[in-house]
Amino acid sequence: MADADAHALDKLFNPLTGLEDRFEGYKAEIVDGCVYMAPQREAHWRTSRWIVRAVEDRFGMCAKVYSGVRIYLPSLPGGDLNGFAPDVMKLRDGAKKDDQGRWRHQDVEFVAEVISKGTAVYDYGPKKEAYALAEVPVYLIADPYLGKARVFTRPKDGDYVYDLSITYGGDIDLTGTSLDLTLKTDEFPRD
């Protein structure tokens, strides 16, 4: 990502931090140059927590697993800036922040987003494309409204080669990925 893009995203995010403080329970992101704020409901947090715990059970408490931590991603072709705060993000072992104190998108090996009302179009659209362009190896979308999860793997040319849909209650087999774990969905809450 170009320094100018990162600086522009910083300028956009700075006033948003105050808004997030005022609107407790809301998360702000910049998707293709537009600012979006969405409420985080209980089912949203509980799903994120199940995923974080599964990843920490597999990699230990010292693993770089974050929720709501900002990451800047490449712009979409013909698009604008992307600054996301994934619900769950795991960085590679040895990942280090850049000179500006930001995590690098090149070090992200897993992202999980939990659908909030009104965000599905972004999670399945421009965010999925941005994660694929950034070559995030595993992108999981959990949808408490439909009771389904989708896993996208093997990014190639701005899309994912594999797309697997799992109804809640089934297991998400990630053993062939960098995560090398099976994520159980039987306790994922529905909304």
Protein backbone atom coordinates (compact mmCIF):
# COMPACT_ATOMS: atom_id res chain seq x y z
CA MET A 1 0.00 0.00 0.00
CA ALA A 2 1.30 3.43 -0.91
CA ASP A 3 2.18 5.78 1.94
CA ALA A 4 -0.19 8.40 0.49
CA ASP A 5 -3.09 5.92 0.68
CA ALA A 6 -2.23 4.98 4.25
CA HIS A 7 -2.00 8.67 5.21
CA ALA A 8 -5.39 9.36 3.57
CA LEU A 9 -6.94 6.46 5.50
CA ASP A 10 -5.43 7.77 8.75
CA LYS A 11 -7.05 11.15 8.07
CA LEU A 12 -10.43 9.48 7.47
CA PHE A 13 -10.21 7.26 10.55
CA ASN A 14 -9.08 9.91 13.06
CA PRO A 15 -12.50 11.59 13.44
CA LEU A 16 -14.25 8.19 13.32
CA THR A 17 -12.54 7.12 16.53
CA GLY A 18 -14.52 9.77 18.38
CA LEU A 19 -17.76 8.60 16.75
CA GLU A 20 -17.14 5.00 17.78
CA ASP A 21 -16.64 6.20 21.35
CA ARG A 22 -19.95 8.10 21.22
CA PHE A 23 -21.84 5.24 19.60
CA GLU A 24 -20.86 2.35 21.81
CA GLY A 25 -21.26 -1.01 20.13
CA TYR A 26 -20.72 0.36 16.61
CA LYS A 27 -17.78 -0.43 14.37
CA ALA A 28 -16.54 1.93 11.65
CA GLU A 29 -14.79 0.81 8.47
CA ILE A 30 -13.85 2.33 5.14
CA VAL A 31 -14.95 0.14 2.24
CA ASP A 32 -13.95 1.29 -1.24
CA GLY A 33 -13.60 4.89 0.00
CA CYS A 34 -16.96 5.04 1.85
CA VAL A 35 -17.37 5.13 5.62
CA TYR A 36 -19.71 2.53 7.12
CA MET A 37 -20.78 2.15 10.72
CA ALA A 38 -22.72 -0.89 11.88
CA PRO A 39 -24.00 -2.00 15.29
CA GLN A 40 -22.45 -5.10 16.79
CA ARG A 41 -25.21 -7.25 18.31
CA GLU A 42 -24.78 -9.95 20.95
CA ALA A 43 -24.82 -12.80 18.40
CA HIS A 44 -22.09 -10.95 16.53
CA TRP A 45 -19.77 -10.78 19.52
CA ARG A 46 -20.51 -14.36 20.66
CA THR A 47 -19.70 -15.72 17.19
CA SER A 48 -16.46 -13.72 17.05
CA ARG A 49 -15.57 -15.01 20.49
CA TRP A 50 -16.09 -18.66 19.47
CA ILE A 51 -13.80 -18.16 16.50
CA VAL A 52 -11.10 -16.36 18.53
CA ARG A 53 -11.13 -19.12 21.14
CA ALA A 54 -10.83 -21.86 18.53
CA VAL A 55 -7.86 -20.10 16.91
CA GLU A 56 -6.22 -19.50 20.30
CA ASP A 57 -6.81 -23.15 21.29
CA ARG A 58 -4.93 -24.16 18.14
CA PHE A 59 -2.10 -21.56 18.24
CA GLY A 60 -1.89 -20.55 21.91
CA MET A 61 -2.58 -17.34 23.77
CA CYS A 62 0.51 -15.65 22.32
CA ALA A 63 -0.79 -15.93 18.75
CA LYS A 64 -1.45 -12.61 17.06
CA VAL A 65 -5.26 -12.86 16.95
CA TYR A 66 -7.22 -9.61 17.00
CA SER A 67 -10.78 -8.35 16.88
CA GLY A 68 -11.61 -4.87 15.62
CA VAL A 69 -7.98 -3.96 14.92
CA ARG A 70 -7.57 -1.82 11.82
CA ILE A 71 -5.82 -3.14 8.73
CA TYR A 72 -5.32 -1.27 5.46
CA LEU A 73 -5.83 -3.23 2.24
CA PRO A 74 -5.13 -2.52 -1.42
CA SER A 75 -7.67 -0.50 -3.38
CA LEU A 76 -9.97 -2.40 -5.70
CA PRO A 77 -9.32 -1.93 -9.43
CA GLY A 78 -10.82 1.44 -10.29
CA GLY A 79 -11.86 1.77 -6.67
CA ASP A 80 -10.88 3.70 -3.62
CA LEU A 81 -9.33 3.19 -0.18
CA ASN A 82 -9.98 0.21 2.12
CA GLY A 83 -9.46 0.26 5.87
CA PHE A 84 -11.13 -2.64 7.67
CA ALA A 85 -11.42 -3.69 11.30
CA PRO A 86 -12.09 -7.43 10.93
CA ASP A 87 -14.15 -9.23 13.56
CA VAL A 88 -11.33 -11.77 13.81
CA MET A 89 -7.89 -11.52 12.23
CA LYS A 90 -4.88 -13.79 12.66
CA LEU A 91 -1.44 -12.66 11.63
CA ARG A 92 1.43 -14.92 10.61
CA ASP A 93 4.06 -15.89 13.15
CA GLY A 94 6.78 -13.25 13.11
CA ALA A 95 4.47 -10.47 11.82
CA LYS A 96 5.77 -7.02 12.70
CA LYS A 97 4.23 -3.58 12.42
CA ASP A 98 5.46 -1.19 9.74
CA ASP A 99 7.32 2.08 10.45
CA GLN A 100 4.00 3.83 11.12
CA GLY A 101 2.90 1.26 13.70
CA ARG A 102 0.37 -0.47 11.42
CA TRP A 103 -0.04 -4.18 10.78
CA ARG A 104 0.73 -5.11 7.19
CA HIS A 105 -1.94 -6.81 5.08
CA GLN A 106 0.76 -9.14 3.73
CA ASP A 107 0.96 -10.75 7.19
CA VAL A 108 -2.76 -11.55 7.52
CA GLU A 109 -3.39 -15.28 7.15
CA PHE A 110 -7.02 -15.47 8.31
CA VAL A 111 -9.99 -13.13 8.54
CA ALA A 112 -13.48 -13.83 9.86
CA GLU A 113 -16.32 -11.37 9.43
CA VAL A 114 -19.66 -11.81 11.18
CA ILE A 115 -22.58 -10.37 9.24
CA SER A 116 -24.36 -7.43 10.85
CA LYS A 117 -27.69 -6.17 9.59
CA GLY A 118 -26.98 -4.27 6.43
CA THR A 119 -23.33 -5.34 5.99
CA ALA A 120 -23.74 -8.56 3.97
CA VAL A 121 -23.47 -6.74 0.66
CA TYR A 122 -20.03 -5.41 1.68
CA ASP A 123 -18.76 -8.60 3.36
CA TYR A 124 -19.64 -10.72 0.30
CA GLY A 125 -18.73 -8.00 -2.22
CA PRO A 126 -15.97 -5.40 -2.01
CA LYS A 127 -14.50 -6.69 1.28
CA LYS A 128 -14.18 -10.22 -0.12
CA GLU A 129 -12.55 -8.80 -3.25
CA ALA A 130 -10.14 -6.66 -1.19
CA TYR A 131 -9.14 -9.63 0.98
CA ALA A 132 -8.56 -11.71 -2.18
CA LEU A 133 -6.48 -8.92 -3.76
CA ALA A 134 -4.44 -8.76 -0.54
CA GLU A 135 -4.03 -12.55 -0.86
CA VAL A 136 -5.49 -13.32 2.56
CA PRO A 137 -5.41 -17.15 2.39
CA VAL A 138 -8.61 -17.84 4.38
CA TYR A 139 -11.69 -15.60 4.59
CA LEU A 140 -14.65 -16.78 6.67
CA ILE A 141 -18.06 -15.14 6.74
CA ALA A 142 -20.43 -16.17 9.53
CA ASP A 143 -24.07 -15.17 9.07
CA PRO A 144 -26.18 -15.47 12.25
CA TYR A 145 -29.31 -14.39 10.33
CA LEU A 146 -29.12 -17.26 7.82
CA GLY A 147 -27.38 -19.72 10.16
CA LYS A 148 -24.67 -20.32 7.58
CA ALA A 149 -20.95 -19.82 7.23
CA ARG A 150 -18.95 -19.47 4.01
CA VAL A 151 -15.25 -20.09 3.70
CA PHE A 152 -13.20 -18.69 0.85
CA THR A 153 -9.68 -20.04 0.25
CA ARG A 154 -6.89 -19.88 -2.33
CA PRO A 155 -6.99 -16.26 -3.50
CA LYS A 156 -6.21 -15.73 -7.17
CA ASP A 157 -6.59 -12.64 -9.38
CA GLY A 158 -8.84 -10.75 -6.93
CA ASP A 159 -11.16 -13.66 -6.18
CA TYR A 160 -11.09 -16.92 -4.28
CA VAL A 161 -10.80 -20.26 -6.09
CA TYR A 162 -12.66 -22.22 -3.38
CA ASP A 163 -16.00 -21.24 -1.84
CA LEU A 164 -17.55 -23.60 0.71
CA SER A 165 -20.92 -23.09 2.41
CA ILE A 166 -21.69 -24.70 5.79
CA THR A 167 -25.00 -24.68 7.63
CA TYR A 168 -24.58 -23.97 11.35
CA GLY A 169 -24.19 -27.29 13.13
CA GLY A 170 -21.66 -28.54 10.58
CA ASP A 171 -17.91 -28.40 10.98
CA ILE A 172 -15.71 -26.01 9.01
CA ASP A 173 -12.72 -28.07 7.91
CA LEU A 174 -9.70 -25.76 7.68
CA THR A 175 -7.13 -28.54 8.05
CA GLY A 176 -5.86 -27.98 4.51
CA THR A 177 -5.12 -24.30 5.23
CA SER A 178 -2.56 -22.38 7.29
CA LEU A 179 -4.96 -22.60 10.26
CA ASP A 180 -4.95 -26.41 10.24
CA LEU A 181 -8.04 -26.69 12.47
CA THR A 182 -11.67 -27.72 12.40
CA LEU A 183 -14.06 -25.02 13.53
CA LYS A 184 -17.29 -26.27 15.05
CA THR A 185 -20.39 -24.15 14.36
CA ASP A 186 -22.95 -25.99 16.52
CA GLU A 187 -22.65 -23.29 19.21
CA PHE A 188 -22.69 -20.32 16.82
CA PRO A 189 -25.67 -18.19 17.85
CA ARG A 190 -28.48 -17.27 15.48
CA ASP A 191 -30.10 -13.86 15.35
